[in-house]
């Protein structure tokens, strides 16, 4: 028999699968890659018609990044501080609350859970006017607390619901053994439950951090002092040399710089995030 008769048939399914994967990756990454490319292109290359997709070396520059100045670093530090503190507070309050709802039998537990769920589904933008009145009443304007407190309150219901579902999946034998060893509820939570559910903590923490980092309406309204403003507000303030000019280059550069910390954060905790998302999906 000829060798050609032993050749395997061409696997079209595999080819289509890889073509679909490549298309999906490019489709998702194309806006990000274009933003990065725009941040390095000169102003003339950005405005050129037809569009320059692959600029030459003389059409690349770092001027857009340099034009942001050291003040933009201040905005990044403000965002990092507000996001980090609100996330820590959110996890510190949400974990005990979620454990209480998952393990302890409370009177009116279903009503509490329903209230938490309703707050989670409620559009936070509709809380703007009431929060503005509270900020004015307590004199929190131009203060980090004007952002930390609302961000914590908005992220707390979702944190409670997510962590509660993880705590419910834990075997009660671990807690029963801890009680026999003399652990009280707080010790059991800190030394046994939280270490086991660290992927869930990381996942919910990342979500809370990203929301706080990207939030714009509250940051724009509650903080008017330039030295306390966050990255989204700083991006909205970038202007051109005239009212008719849109500074695409500086905006793209600021967007890239503002996204890098989030990318680094996700890459550092990616394993924990995957564990937190997939935990409980397969039992047995």
Protein backbone atom coordinates (compact mmCIF):
# COMPACT_ATOMS: atom_id res chain seq x y z
CA UNK A 1 0.00 0.00 0.00
CA UNK A 2 1.18 3.52 -0.64
CA UNK A 3 2.24 5.79 2.22
CA UNK A 4 -0.31 8.37 1.21
CA UNK A 5 -3.10 5.97 2.14
CA UNK A 6 -1.99 6.06 5.79
CA UNK A 7 -2.11 9.86 6.12
CA UNK A 8 -4.63 11.23 8.59
CA UNK A 9 -7.48 13.31 7.16
CA UNK A 10 -7.10 17.06 7.52
CA UNK A 11 -8.63 18.17 10.83
CA UNK A 12 -10.82 21.15 9.88
CA UNK A 13 -12.34 21.32 13.36
CA UNK A 14 -8.95 21.97 14.94
CA UNK A 15 -8.16 24.65 12.37
CA UNK A 16 -11.50 26.37 12.94
CA UNK A 17 -11.00 26.16 16.70
CA UNK A 18 -7.61 27.87 16.57
CA UNK A 19 -8.88 30.43 14.06
CA UNK A 20 -11.74 31.27 16.42
CA UNK A 21 -9.36 31.56 19.39
CA UNK A 22 -6.99 33.86 17.47
CA UNK A 23 -9.89 36.01 16.25
CA UNK A 24 -11.32 36.30 19.76
CA UNK A 25 -7.95 37.26 21.27
CA UNK A 26 -7.32 39.89 18.60
CA UNK A 27 -10.87 41.20 18.94
CA UNK A 28 -10.44 41.65 22.70
CA UNK A 29 -6.90 43.05 22.57
CA UNK A 30 -7.29 45.31 19.52
CA UNK A 31 -8.66 48.37 21.41
CA UNK A 32 -5.93 48.05 24.06
CA UNK A 33 -3.17 47.65 21.47
CA UNK A 34 -4.50 50.61 19.49
CA UNK A 35 -4.56 52.76 22.62
CA UNK A 36 -0.95 51.84 23.39
CA UNK A 37 0.09 52.58 19.80
CA UNK A 38 -1.73 55.93 19.86
CA UNK A 39 0.08 56.92 23.05
CA UNK A 40 3.44 56.60 21.24
CA UNK A 41 2.50 58.16 17.90
CA UNK A 42 3.24 61.79 17.16
CA UNK A 43 0.34 64.21 16.91
CA UNK A 44 0.71 64.46 13.13
CA UNK A 45 0.71 60.67 12.80
CA UNK A 46 -2.44 60.42 14.92
CA UNK A 47 -4.26 63.02 12.80
CA UNK A 48 -2.98 61.66 9.49
CA UNK A 49 -5.54 60.57 6.88
CA UNK A 50 -5.49 57.74 5.89
CA UNK A 51 -4.83 56.23 9.31
CA UNK A 52 -1.28 55.07 9.99
CA UNK A 53 -1.47 51.57 11.47
CA UNK A 54 2.27 50.85 11.49
CA UNK A 55 4.12 54.13 12.12
CA UNK A 56 7.77 54.60 11.21
CA UNK A 57 10.39 55.31 13.86
CA UNK A 58 10.28 59.05 13.19
CA UNK A 59 6.52 58.95 13.88
CA UNK A 60 6.98 57.59 17.41
CA UNK A 61 7.54 59.76 20.48
CA UNK A 62 7.45 59.82 24.28
CA UNK A 63 6.24 63.40 24.35
CA UNK A 64 2.69 62.45 25.33
CA UNK A 65 3.91 60.64 28.45
CA UNK A 66 6.29 63.47 29.34
CA UNK A 67 3.51 66.04 28.91
CA UNK A 68 1.55 64.46 31.78
CA UNK A 69 4.21 65.61 34.25
CA UNK A 70 4.80 64.53 37.81
CA UNK A 71 1.31 65.66 38.83
CA UNK A 72 -0.17 62.58 37.16
CA UNK A 73 1.82 60.41 39.58
CA UNK A 74 0.02 62.24 42.38
CA UNK A 75 -3.33 61.32 40.83
CA UNK A 76 -2.26 57.67 40.65
CA UNK A 77 -1.22 57.69 44.31
CA UNK A 78 -4.58 59.23 45.25
CA UNK A 79 -6.44 56.52 43.36
CA UNK A 80 -4.24 53.81 44.88
CA UNK A 81 -4.76 55.09 48.43
CA UNK A 82 -8.53 55.47 48.14
CA UNK A 83 -8.96 52.12 46.39
CA UNK A 84 -6.69 50.21 48.77
CA UNK A 85 -8.21 51.61 51.96
CA UNK A 86 -11.81 51.13 50.80
CA UNK A 87 -11.04 47.56 49.71
CA UNK A 88 -9.42 46.66 53.04
CA UNK A 89 -12.34 48.13 54.99
CA UNK A 90 -14.81 46.39 52.71
CA UNK A 91 -13.18 42.97 53.25
CA UNK A 92 -12.74 43.59 56.98
CA UNK A 93 -16.45 44.30 57.40
CA UNK A 94 -17.75 41.96 54.73
CA UNK A 95 -15.98 38.77 55.83
CA UNK A 96 -17.42 38.66 59.41
CA UNK A 97 -20.86 39.68 58.12
CA UNK A 98 -20.80 36.98 55.43
CA UNK A 99 -19.64 34.34 57.92
CA UNK A 100 -22.39 35.33 60.33
CA UNK A 101 -25.05 35.00 57.63
CA UNK A 102 -23.59 31.70 56.43
CA UNK A 103 -23.18 29.89 59.76
CA UNK A 104 -25.21 31.56 62.48
CA UNK A 105 -28.99 31.33 62.57
CA UNK A 106 -30.20 34.90 62.85
CA UNK A 107 -33.79 36.05 63.25
CA UNK A 108 -34.94 37.61 59.98
CA UNK A 109 -31.99 36.18 58.05
CA UNK A 110 -33.93 35.98 54.78
CA UNK A 111 -35.03 39.59 55.13
CA UNK A 112 -31.41 40.67 55.70
CA UNK A 113 -30.24 38.73 52.64
CA UNK A 114 -33.04 40.18 50.53
CA UNK A 115 -32.08 43.70 51.63
CA UNK A 116 -28.42 43.07 50.79
CA UNK A 117 -29.38 41.71 47.37
CA UNK A 118 -31.62 44.71 46.62
CA UNK A 119 -28.83 47.10 47.56
CA UNK A 120 -26.46 45.17 45.27
CA UNK A 121 -28.84 45.50 42.32
CA UNK A 122 -29.60 49.18 43.01
CA UNK A 123 -27.77 51.53 40.58
CA UNK A 124 -25.25 53.38 42.70
CA UNK A 125 -25.53 56.52 40.57
CA UNK A 126 -29.05 57.04 41.95
CA UNK A 127 -27.48 57.47 45.39
CA UNK A 128 -25.55 60.49 44.20
CA UNK A 129 -27.80 63.27 45.50
CA UNK A 130 -28.32 61.71 48.92
CA UNK A 131 -24.59 61.04 49.29
CA UNK A 132 -23.85 64.59 48.26
CA UNK A 133 -26.10 65.89 51.04
CA UNK A 134 -24.37 63.61 53.56
CA UNK A 135 -20.94 64.78 52.43
CA UNK A 136 -22.02 68.40 52.84
CA UNK A 137 -23.64 67.70 56.23
CA UNK A 138 -20.57 66.00 57.70
CA UNK A 139 -18.13 68.38 56.02
CA UNK A 140 -16.28 65.64 54.15
CA UNK A 141 -15.80 67.58 50.92
CA UNK A 142 -12.20 67.60 49.63
CA UNK A 143 -11.35 64.70 51.92
CA UNK A 144 -10.35 61.14 51.11
CA UNK A 145 -13.18 59.93 53.35
CA UNK A 146 -15.67 61.45 50.90
CA UNK A 147 -14.66 58.67 48.49
CA UNK A 148 -13.58 55.88 50.85
CA UNK A 149 -16.91 55.71 52.71
CA UNK A 150 -19.18 55.60 49.62
CA UNK A 151 -16.92 53.13 47.80
CA UNK A 152 -16.92 50.84 50.84
CA UNK A 153 -20.69 51.07 51.19
CA UNK A 154 -21.27 50.33 47.51
CA UNK A 155 -18.92 47.32 47.38
CA UNK A 156 -19.90 45.86 50.75
CA UNK A 157 -23.20 44.16 49.74
CA UNK A 158 -21.59 42.30 46.81
CA UNK A 159 -18.67 41.30 49.02
CA UNK A 160 -21.04 39.86 51.62
CA UNK A 161 -23.01 37.85 49.06
CA UNK A 162 -19.92 36.43 47.33
CA UNK A 163 -18.10 35.50 50.54
CA UNK A 164 -21.25 34.01 52.07
CA UNK A 165 -21.57 31.59 49.16
CA UNK A 166 -17.95 30.48 49.69
CA UNK A 167 -18.38 30.06 53.45
CA UNK A 168 -21.45 27.90 52.89
CA UNK A 169 -19.40 25.50 50.78
CA UNK A 170 -16.89 24.84 53.55
CA UNK A 171 -17.35 21.55 55.42
CA UNK A 172 -18.63 22.12 58.94
CA UNK A 173 -16.35 19.34 60.23
CA UNK A 174 -13.43 21.80 60.19
CA UNK A 175 -15.27 24.23 62.42
CA UNK A 176 -16.52 21.47 64.72
CA UNK A 177 -12.94 20.26 65.17
CA UNK A 178 -11.80 23.83 65.88
CA UNK A 179 -14.50 24.22 68.54
CA UNK A 180 -13.30 21.01 70.22
CA UNK A 181 -9.76 22.47 70.22
CA UNK A 182 -11.06 25.54 72.07
CA UNK A 183 -11.33 28.05 69.22
CA UNK A 184 -13.98 30.73 69.58
CA UNK A 185 -15.87 32.15 66.59
CA UNK A 186 -13.40 34.98 65.94
CA UNK A 187 -10.34 32.71 66.17
CA UNK A 188 -12.02 30.18 63.91
CA UNK A 189 -12.76 32.86 61.33
CA UNK A 190 -9.25 34.37 61.37
CA UNK A 191 -7.15 31.20 61.64
CA UNK A 192 -9.16 28.62 59.72
CA UNK A 193 -11.96 30.00 57.53
CA UNK A 194 -10.25 33.04 55.98
CA UNK A 195 -6.99 31.25 55.04
CA UNK A 196 -9.00 28.52 53.31
CA UNK A 197 -11.14 31.04 51.42
CA UNK A 198 -8.26 33.35 50.45
CA UNK A 199 -9.07 32.96 46.69
CA UNK A 200 -12.55 34.33 47.38
CA UNK A 201 -11.10 37.22 49.37
CA UNK A 202 -8.68 38.06 46.57
CA UNK A 203 -11.40 37.86 43.90
CA UNK A 204 -13.84 40.11 45.73
CA UNK A 205 -11.00 42.43 46.76
CA UNK A 206 -9.88 42.84 43.15
CA UNK A 207 -13.44 43.65 42.05
CA UNK A 208 -13.81 46.24 44.80
CA UNK A 209 -10.40 47.73 43.99
CA UNK A 210 -11.16 48.04 40.27
CA UNK A 211 -14.50 49.74 40.96
CA UNK A 212 -12.88 52.24 43.32
CA UNK A 213 -10.02 52.87 40.87
CA UNK A 214 -12.34 53.57 37.91
CA UNK A 215 -15.21 55.42 39.62
CA UNK A 216 -15.74 58.91 38.20
CA UNK A 217 -18.99 60.63 39.29
CA UNK A 218 -18.32 60.71 43.03
CA UNK A 219 -14.64 61.54 42.54
CA UNK A 220 -15.53 64.45 40.29
CA UNK A 221 -18.18 65.89 42.62
CA UNK A 222 -16.92 65.26 46.14
CA UNK A 223 -13.29 66.26 45.46
CA UNK A 224 -12.59 69.65 43.89
CA UNK A 225 -9.06 70.17 45.23
CA UNK A 226 -6.60 69.32 42.48
CA UNK A 227 -4.08 67.64 44.79
CA UNK A 228 -6.68 65.07 45.97
CA UNK A 229 -8.23 64.11 42.66
CA UNK A 230 -8.06 60.61 41.18
CA UNK A 231 -7.11 59.28 37.75
CA UNK A 232 -10.58 59.30 36.09
CA UNK A 233 -10.98 62.98 37.00
CA UNK A 234 -7.45 63.74 35.81
CA UNK A 235 -8.25 62.12 32.45
CA UNK A 236 -11.33 64.30 32.02
CA UNK A 237 -9.25 67.44 32.63
CA UNK A 238 -6.68 66.80 29.90
CA UNK A 239 -7.16 69.45 27.24
CA UNK A 240 -5.53 70.56 24.02
CA UNK A 241 -4.02 73.87 23.05
CA UNK A 242 -7.50 75.08 22.04
CA UNK A 243 -11.11 74.12 22.68
CA UNK A 244 -11.27 72.63 19.18
CA UNK A 245 -8.35 70.24 19.69
CA UNK A 246 -8.79 66.78 21.20
CA UNK A 247 -5.47 65.65 22.74
CA UNK A 248 -5.69 62.00 21.70
CA UNK A 249 -2.01 61.35 22.45
CA UNK A 250 -1.95 62.56 26.10
CA UNK A 251 -5.32 60.92 26.77
CA UNK A 252 -4.05 57.61 25.41
CA UNK A 253 -0.84 57.91 27.45
CA UNK A 254 -2.77 58.69 30.63
CA UNK A 255 -5.11 55.76 29.97
CA UNK A 256 -2.20 53.37 29.54
CA UNK A 257 -0.49 54.59 32.72
CA UNK A 258 -3.75 54.38 34.64
CA UNK A 259 -4.36 50.81 33.48
CA UNK A 260 -0.87 49.43 34.21
CA UNK A 261 -1.40 49.12 38.02
CA UNK A 262 -4.60 47.13 37.46
CA UNK A 263 -2.88 44.83 34.98
CA UNK A 264 0.01 44.24 37.38
CA UNK A 265 -2.44 43.56 40.22
CA UNK A 266 -4.36 41.00 38.18
CA UNK A 267 -1.17 39.29 36.96
CA UNK A 268 0.15 38.99 40.52
CA UNK A 269 -3.07 37.42 41.83
CA UNK A 270 -4.22 35.66 38.66
CA UNK A 271 -3.91 32.19 40.17
CA UNK A 272 -5.95 33.19 43.21
CA UNK A 273 -8.53 34.88 40.99
CA UNK A 274 -8.98 31.75 38.87
CA UNK A 275 -9.30 29.64 42.01
CA UNK A 276 -11.86 32.06 43.42
CA UNK A 277 -13.94 32.05 40.23
CA UNK A 278 -13.88 28.27 39.72
CA UNK A 279 -14.11 27.24 43.39
CA UNK A 280 -17.27 25.28 43.98
CA UNK A 281 -17.93 24.79 40.28
CA UNK A 282 -16.97 21.10 40.60
CA UNK A 283 -17.82 19.14 43.69
CA UNK A 284 -16.62 15.74 44.72
